[in-house]
Amino acid sequence: MAATPTRRGGLMITRPALHRILRVATAGGLLAVVIALVGLANESRSDVASQTTLLALLVGSAVLGFVWSRLWWIPALLVGGTVAVEHLVAVWFSIPEPGVHLPVGVWGTITLLILVIPALIAGRAGAGIRHLVSHRPAARAVNARKDPSGGRRRRGSDGGLDHSDYGPEDSRSEKT
């Protein structure tokens, strides 16, 4: 249970719920920072603004893929669409963009959605790195110390889990 009621009707947040809230807030804040950096790099008027934007998009998507390893594609889609959305807003509100060399109008701006592809690749790479780091032998050795079975479950001859390590006092054992 994530929270328990108190006498006054308020909620007392338990430690696992607080950790989950902080983890989600940190990941959401990191997503906002990456999107802001990609947008800021895109608005630069330097000669290397396009390369800087692509670098920020790739590194940001990889970092977010590492942080959001199971849902890596969500921040990758959001970061990859940032440049297109930024230019669509400029087109819709008729904000002049000197130095931008895109085809005129909404259809020309929609072509920037191609940046979603490198963002997805970088996000998947970040998630893959997280998988490799968390499944290396040293990490398994630490988890094996916590889990007496070493993270391995024996299978019986019928393919199901072998419950021979459970004693008769265990509620999971079959009663005969």
C-alpha atoms as a PDB file:
ATOM      1  CA  MET A   1       0.000   0.000   0.000  1.00  0.00           C
ATOM      2  CA  ALA A   2       1.477   3.338  -1.015  1.00  0.00           C
ATOM      3  CA  ALA A   3      -0.127   5.572   1.596  1.00  0.00           C
ATOM      4  CA  THR A   4      -1.984   5.087   4.835  1.00  0.00           C
ATOM      5  CA  PRO A   5      -4.587   7.460   6.286  1.00  0.00           C
ATOM      6  CA  THR A   6      -3.834   9.344   9.485  1.00  0.00           C
ATOM      7  CA  ARG A   7      -6.243  10.450  12.213  1.00  0.00           C
ATOM      8  CA  ARG A   8      -6.792  13.900  10.752  1.00  0.00           C
ATOM      9  CA  GLY A   9      -7.700  12.543   7.331  1.00  0.00           C
ATOM     10  CA  GLY A  10      -4.368  13.452   5.736  1.00  0.00           C
ATOM     11  CA  LEU A  11      -2.115  10.980   4.026  1.00  0.00           C
ATOM     12  CA  MET A  12       1.144   9.671   5.363  1.00  0.00           C
ATOM     13  CA  ILE A  13       3.374   8.709   2.455  1.00  0.00           C
ATOM     14  CA  THR A  14       5.417   5.573   2.964  1.00  0.00           C
ATOM     15  CA  ARG A  15       9.069   5.319   1.987  1.00  0.00           C
ATOM     16  CA  PRO A  16       8.583   3.267  -1.248  1.00  0.00           C
ATOM     17  CA  ALA A  17       5.922   5.707  -2.435  1.00  0.00           C
ATOM     18  CA  LEU A  18       8.205   8.651  -1.682  1.00  0.00           C
ATOM     19  CA  HIS A  19      11.024   7.022  -3.662  1.00  0.00           C
ATOM     20  CA  ARG A  20       8.660   6.448  -6.591  1.00  0.00           C
ATOM     21  CA  ILE A  21       7.457  10.068  -6.477  1.00  0.00           C
ATOM     22  CA  LEU A  22      11.027  11.378  -6.405  1.00  0.00           C
ATOM     23  CA  ARG A  23      12.094   9.068  -9.225  1.00  0.00           C
ATOM     24  CA  VAL A  24       9.203  10.188 -11.461  1.00  0.00           C
ATOM     25  CA  ALA A  25       9.771  13.861 -10.607  1.00  0.00           C
ATOM     26  CA  THR A  26      13.487  13.564 -11.371  1.00  0.00           C
ATOM     27  CA  ALA A  27      12.871  11.811 -14.687  1.00  0.00           C
ATOM     28  CA  GLY A  28      10.194  14.362 -15.633  1.00  0.00           C
ATOM     29  CA  GLY A  29      12.487  17.243 -14.713  1.00  0.00           C
ATOM     30  CA  LEU A  30      15.295  15.724 -16.745  1.00  0.00           C
ATOM     31  CA  LEU A  31      12.927  15.394 -19.710  1.00  0.00           C
ATOM     32  CA  ALA A  32      12.000  19.084 -19.404  1.00  0.00           C
ATOM     33  CA  VAL A  33      15.676  20.083 -19.248  1.00  0.00           C
ATOM     34  CA  VAL A  34      16.561  18.033 -22.337  1.00  0.00           C
ATOM     35  CA  ILE A  35      13.643  19.465 -24.308  1.00  0.00           C
ATOM     36  CA  ALA A  36      14.640  22.997 -23.256  1.00  0.00           C
ATOM     37  CA  LEU A  37      18.265  22.379 -24.290  1.00  0.00           C
ATOM     38  CA  VAL A  38      17.237  21.019 -27.698  1.00  0.00           C
ATOM     39  CA  GLY A  39      14.956  24.026 -28.207  1.00  0.00           C
ATOM     40  CA  LEU A  40      17.666  26.449 -27.093  1.00  0.00           C
ATOM     41  CA  ALA A  41      20.245  24.852 -29.387  1.00  0.00           C
ATOM     42  CA  ASN A  42      17.775  25.012 -32.260  1.00  0.00           C
ATOM     43  CA  GLU A  43      17.195  28.743 -31.758  1.00  0.00           C
ATOM     44  CA  SER A  44      20.898  29.501 -31.924  1.00  0.00           C
ATOM     45  CA  ARG A  45      21.957  31.612 -34.906  1.00  0.00           C
ATOM     46  CA  SER A  46      25.472  30.171 -35.122  1.00  0.00           C
ATOM     47  CA  ASP A  47      26.818  28.325 -38.141  1.00  0.00           C
ATOM     48  CA  VAL A  48      26.824  25.022 -36.278  1.00  0.00           C
ATOM     49  CA  ALA A  49      23.328  25.320 -34.782  1.00  0.00           C
ATOM     50  CA  SER A  50      22.001  22.322 -36.715  1.00  0.00           C
ATOM     51  CA  GLN A  51      24.848  20.095 -35.557  1.00  0.00           C
ATOM     52  CA  THR A  52      24.513  21.334 -31.969  1.00  0.00           C
ATOM     53  CA  THR A  53      20.782  20.644 -32.046  1.00  0.00           C
ATOM     54  CA  LEU A  54      21.341  17.129 -33.367  1.00  0.00           C
ATOM     55  CA  LEU A  55      24.025  16.476 -30.745  1.00  0.00           C
ATOM     56  CA  ALA A  56      21.734  17.701 -27.945  1.00  0.00           C
ATOM     57  CA  LEU A  57      18.927  15.558 -29.344  1.00  0.00           C
ATOM     58  CA  LEU A  58      21.086  12.429 -29.517  1.00  0.00           C
ATOM     59  CA  VAL A  59      22.789  12.803 -26.140  1.00  0.00           C
ATOM     60  CA  GLY A  60      19.561  13.855 -24.436  1.00  0.00           C
ATOM     61  CA  SER A  61      17.617  10.930 -25.896  1.00  0.00           C
ATOM     62  CA  ALA A  62      20.349   8.492 -24.886  1.00  0.00           C
ATOM     63  CA  VAL A  63      20.419   9.811 -21.312  1.00  0.00           C
ATOM     64  CA  LEU A  64      16.633   9.691 -21.075  1.00  0.00           C
ATOM     65  CA  GLY A  65      16.637   6.186 -22.548  1.00  0.00           C
ATOM     66  CA  PHE A  66      19.091   5.187 -19.823  1.00  0.00           C
ATOM     67  CA  VAL A  67      16.905   6.733 -17.112  1.00  0.00           C
ATOM     68  CA  TRP A  68      13.568   5.500 -18.539  1.00  0.00           C
ATOM     69  CA  SER A  69      14.892   2.117 -19.626  1.00  0.00           C
ATOM     70  CA  ARG A  70      11.518   0.387 -19.938  1.00  0.00           C
ATOM     71  CA  LEU A  71       9.683   3.294 -21.540  1.00  0.00           C
ATOM     72  CA  TRP A  72      12.635   4.658 -23.531  1.00  0.00           C
ATOM     73  CA  TRP A  73      10.502   5.418 -26.579  1.00  0.00           C
ATOM     74  CA  ILE A  74       8.279   7.996 -24.825  1.00  0.00           C
ATOM     75  CA  PRO A  75      10.983  10.597 -24.109  1.00  0.00           C
ATOM     76  CA  ALA A  76      12.621   9.789 -27.454  1.00  0.00           C
ATOM     77  CA  LEU A  77       9.411  10.702 -29.292  1.00  0.00           C
ATOM     78  CA  LEU A  78       8.997  13.875 -27.246  1.00  0.00           C
ATOM     79  CA  VAL A  79      12.590  15.012 -27.727  1.00  0.00           C
ATOM     80  CA  GLY A  80      12.610  14.045 -31.413  1.00  0.00           C
ATOM     81  CA  GLY A  81       9.474  16.078 -32.074  1.00  0.00           C
ATOM     82  CA  THR A  82      10.702  19.169 -30.224  1.00  0.00           C
ATOM     83  CA  VAL A  83      12.266  20.903 -33.230  1.00  0.00           C
ATOM     84  CA  ALA A  84       9.226  20.265 -35.449  1.00  0.00           C
ATOM     85  CA  VAL A  85       6.809  21.520 -32.790  1.00  0.00           C
ATOM     86  CA  GLU A  86       8.944  24.598 -32.202  1.00  0.00           C
ATOM     87  CA  HIS A  87       8.841  25.519 -35.899  1.00  0.00           C
ATOM     88  CA  LEU A  88       5.118  24.670 -36.187  1.00  0.00           C
ATOM     89  CA  VAL A  89       4.376  27.114 -33.367  1.00  0.00           C
ATOM     90  CA  ALA A  90       6.413  29.750 -35.188  1.00  0.00           C
ATOM     91  CA  VAL A  91       4.453  29.131 -38.410  1.00  0.00           C
ATOM     92  CA  TRP A  92       1.059  29.174 -36.676  1.00  0.00           C
ATOM     93  CA  PHE A  93       1.774  32.395 -34.783  1.00  0.00           C
ATOM     94  CA  SER A  94       3.586  33.990 -37.752  1.00  0.00           C
ATOM     95  CA  ILE A  95       6.799  34.450 -35.800  1.00  0.00           C
ATOM     96  CA  PRO A  96       9.582  35.345 -38.231  1.00  0.00           C
ATOM     97  CA  GLU A  97      12.501  32.934 -38.244  1.00  0.00           C
ATOM     98  CA  PRO A  98      15.411  34.535 -40.077  1.00  0.00           C
ATOM     99  CA  GLY A  99      18.112  32.114 -41.089  1.00  0.00           C
ATOM    100  CA  VAL A 100      15.808  29.087 -41.139  1.00  0.00           C
ATOM    101  CA  HIS A 101      15.950  27.315 -44.474  1.00  0.00           C
ATOM    102  CA  LEU A 102      12.859  25.123 -44.555  1.00  0.00           C
ATOM    103  CA  PRO A 103      10.179  24.765 -47.195  1.00  0.00           C
ATOM    104  CA  VAL A 104       7.470  27.336 -46.558  1.00  0.00           C
ATOM    105  CA  GLY A 105       4.455  26.513 -44.411  1.00  0.00           C
ATOM    106  CA  VAL A 106       3.264  23.717 -42.210  1.00  0.00           C
ATOM    107  CA  TRP A 107       4.135  20.897 -44.634  1.00  0.00           C
ATOM    108  CA  GLY A 108       7.736  22.002 -44.830  1.00  0.00           C
ATOM    109  CA  THR A 109       7.965  22.132 -41.066  1.00  0.00           C
ATOM    110  CA  ILE A 110       6.451  18.669 -40.672  1.00  0.00           C
ATOM    111  CA  THR A 111       9.480  17.273 -42.502  1.00  0.00           C
ATOM    112  CA  LEU A 112      11.435  17.972 -39.302  1.00  0.00           C
ATOM    113  CA  LEU A 113       9.650  15.018 -37.715  1.00  0.00           C
ATOM    114  CA  ILE A 114      12.372  12.946 -39.374  1.00  0.00           C
ATOM    115  CA  LEU A 115      14.425  13.822 -36.277  1.00  0.00           C
ATOM    116  CA  VAL A 116      12.288  11.355 -34.342  1.00  0.00           C
ATOM    117  CA  ILE A 117      14.227   8.508 -35.982  1.00  0.00           C
ATOM    118  CA  PRO A 118      17.691   9.388 -34.589  1.00  0.00           C
ATOM    119  CA  ALA A 119      16.078  10.212 -31.240  1.00  0.00           C
ATOM    120  CA  LEU A 120      14.502   6.732 -31.125  1.00  0.00           C
ATOM    121  CA  ILE A 121      17.809   5.107 -32.036  1.00  0.00           C
ATOM    122  CA  ALA A 122      19.657   7.051 -29.340  1.00  0.00           C
ATOM    123  CA  GLY A 123      16.937   6.329 -26.760  1.00  0.00           C
ATOM    124  CA  ARG A 124      17.114   2.619 -27.494  1.00  0.00           C
ATOM    125  CA  ALA A 125      20.897   2.745 -27.245  1.00  0.00           C
ATOM    126  CA  GLY A 126      20.620   4.384 -23.817  1.00  0.00           C
ATOM    127  CA  ALA A 127      18.168   1.717 -22.665  1.00  0.00           C
ATOM    128  CA  GLY A 128      20.499  -0.971 -24.018  1.00  0.00           C
ATOM    129  CA  ILE A 129      23.415   0.483 -22.086  1.00  0.00           C
ATOM    130  CA  ARG A 130      21.283   0.477 -18.934  1.00  0.00           C
ATOM    131  CA  HIS A 131      20.438  -3.175 -19.573  1.00  0.00           C
ATOM    132  CA  LEU A 132      24.100  -4.081 -20.046  1.00  0.00           C
ATOM    133  CA  VAL A 133      25.162  -2.200 -16.930  1.00  0.00           C
ATOM    134  CA  SER A 134      22.454  -3.688 -14.733  1.00  0.00           C
ATOM    135  CA  HIS A 135      23.026  -7.250 -15.989  1.00  0.00           C
ATOM    136  CA  ARG A 136      26.795  -7.408 -15.740  1.00  0.00           C
ATOM    137  CA  PRO A 137      28.294 -10.119 -13.500  1.00  0.00           C
ATOM    138  CA  ALA A 138      29.200  -7.689 -10.679  1.00  0.00           C
ATOM    139  CA  ALA A 139      25.581  -6.493 -10.464  1.00  0.00           C
ATOM    140  CA  ARG A 140      24.355 -10.093 -10.414  1.00  0.00           C
ATOM    141  CA  ALA A 141      26.761 -10.904  -7.582  1.00  0.00           C
ATOM    142  CA  VAL A 142      25.322  -8.064  -5.481  1.00  0.00           C
ATOM    143  CA  ASN A 143      21.765  -9.219  -6.166  1.00  0.00           C
ATOM    144  CA  ALA A 144      22.710 -12.841  -5.402  1.00  0.00           C
ATOM    145  CA  ARG A 145      23.727 -11.806  -1.904  1.00  0.00           C
ATOM    146  CA  LYS A 146      20.232 -10.410  -1.373  1.00  0.00           C
ATOM    147  CA  ASP A 147      18.426 -13.397  -2.920  1.00  0.00           C
ATOM    148  CA  PRO A 148      19.312 -16.743  -1.325  1.00  0.00           C
ATOM    149  CA  SER A 149      18.478 -18.617  -4.532  1.00  0.00           C
ATOM    150  CA  GLY A 150      20.951 -16.476  -6.469  1.00  0.00           C
ATOM    151  CA  GLY A 151      18.167 -15.272  -8.746  1.00  0.00           C
ATOM    152  CA  ARG A 152      17.734 -18.796 -10.126  1.00  0.00           C
ATOM    153  CA  ARG A 153      14.601 -20.876  -9.830  1.00  0.00           C
ATOM    154  CA  ARG A 154      14.787 -24.595 -10.417  1.00  0.00           C
ATOM    155  CA  ARG A 155      12.300 -26.121 -12.789  1.00  0.00           C
ATOM    156  CA  GLY A 156      10.732 -29.498 -12.212  1.00  0.00           C
ATOM    157  CA  SER A 157      10.494 -32.268 -14.771  1.00  0.00           C
ATOM    158  CA  ASP A 158       7.088 -30.979 -15.905  1.00  0.00           C
ATOM    159  CA  GLY A 159       8.516 -27.508 -16.665  1.00  0.00           C
ATOM    160  CA  GLY A 160       6.877 -25.852 -13.664  1.00  0.00           C
ATOM    161  CA  LEU A 161       8.729 -24.361 -10.731  1.00  0.00           C
ATOM    162  CA  ASP A 162      10.249 -26.898  -8.360  1.00  0.00           C
ATOM    163  CA  HIS A 163       8.988 -26.081  -4.874  1.00  0.00           C
ATOM    164  CA  SER A 164      11.191 -28.611  -3.106  1.00  0.00           C
ATOM    165  CA  ASP A 165      13.074 -25.867  -1.291  1.00  0.00           C
ATOM    166  CA  TYR A 166       9.897 -24.789   0.495  1.00  0.00           C
ATOM    167  CA  GLY A 167       9.279 -26.516   3.789  1.00  0.00           C
ATOM    168  CA  PRO A 168       5.968 -28.040   4.869  1.00  0.00           C
ATOM    169  CA  GLU A 169       5.302 -24.973   7.007  1.00  0.00           C
ATOM    170  CA  ASP A 170       5.305 -22.777   3.905  1.00  0.00           C
ATOM    171  CA  SER A 171       1.837 -21.843   2.685  1.00  0.00           C
ATOM    172  CA  ARG A 172       2.926 -22.294  -0.931  1.00  0.00           C
ATOM    173  CA  SER A 173       3.616 -26.004  -0.569  1.00  0.00           C
ATOM    174  CA  GLU A 174       0.947 -28.436  -1.629  1.00  0.00           C
ATOM    175  CA  LYS A 175      -1.056 -30.086   1.130  1.00  0.00           C
ATOM    176  CA  THR A 176      -1.597 -33.791   0.744  1.00  0.00           C
END
